């Protein structure tokens, strides 16, 4: 995908090595080990199964924590952007903009950001998808993982 052709339909990022390779590599052996514990119980088998489930949790939380950090960075970036672009009456309301709203509004062009922030706050729109659908001039974000 080129740097300019990101839009609502194709902005979600899939990492093939993570989603299609690593996830099955962790899940399938754990399922098999769980099955083996059920049909032919042994303490050693149970320990290995518990360890494999722990590895899945580590992988899941590592991804989840990284996304949480990215959300915080996006929030900071968008707060700075809003301080620069919003009219004075909306600048006072920046603390009211939720993280979910900021994550969606990062795709809005500089020109339409004030209108969308106002709309999100006055109409109480907090759903990411709804806000993204309201964006007319998409501003690509190629940094999100």
Foldseek 3Di string as FASTA:
>chain_A
DDQAPDALVHQDDDDCCVPPNVVCVLPVVLVVLVVCCVPPNDPVSVVVSVVSVVVVVVSVVVVVVVVVVVLVVLLVVQLVLCVVQEPPVVNVCSVVQDSQNSVLLVQADSVCSRVLSVCCVVVVDRHSSVSRVPHDRTDHDPPRD
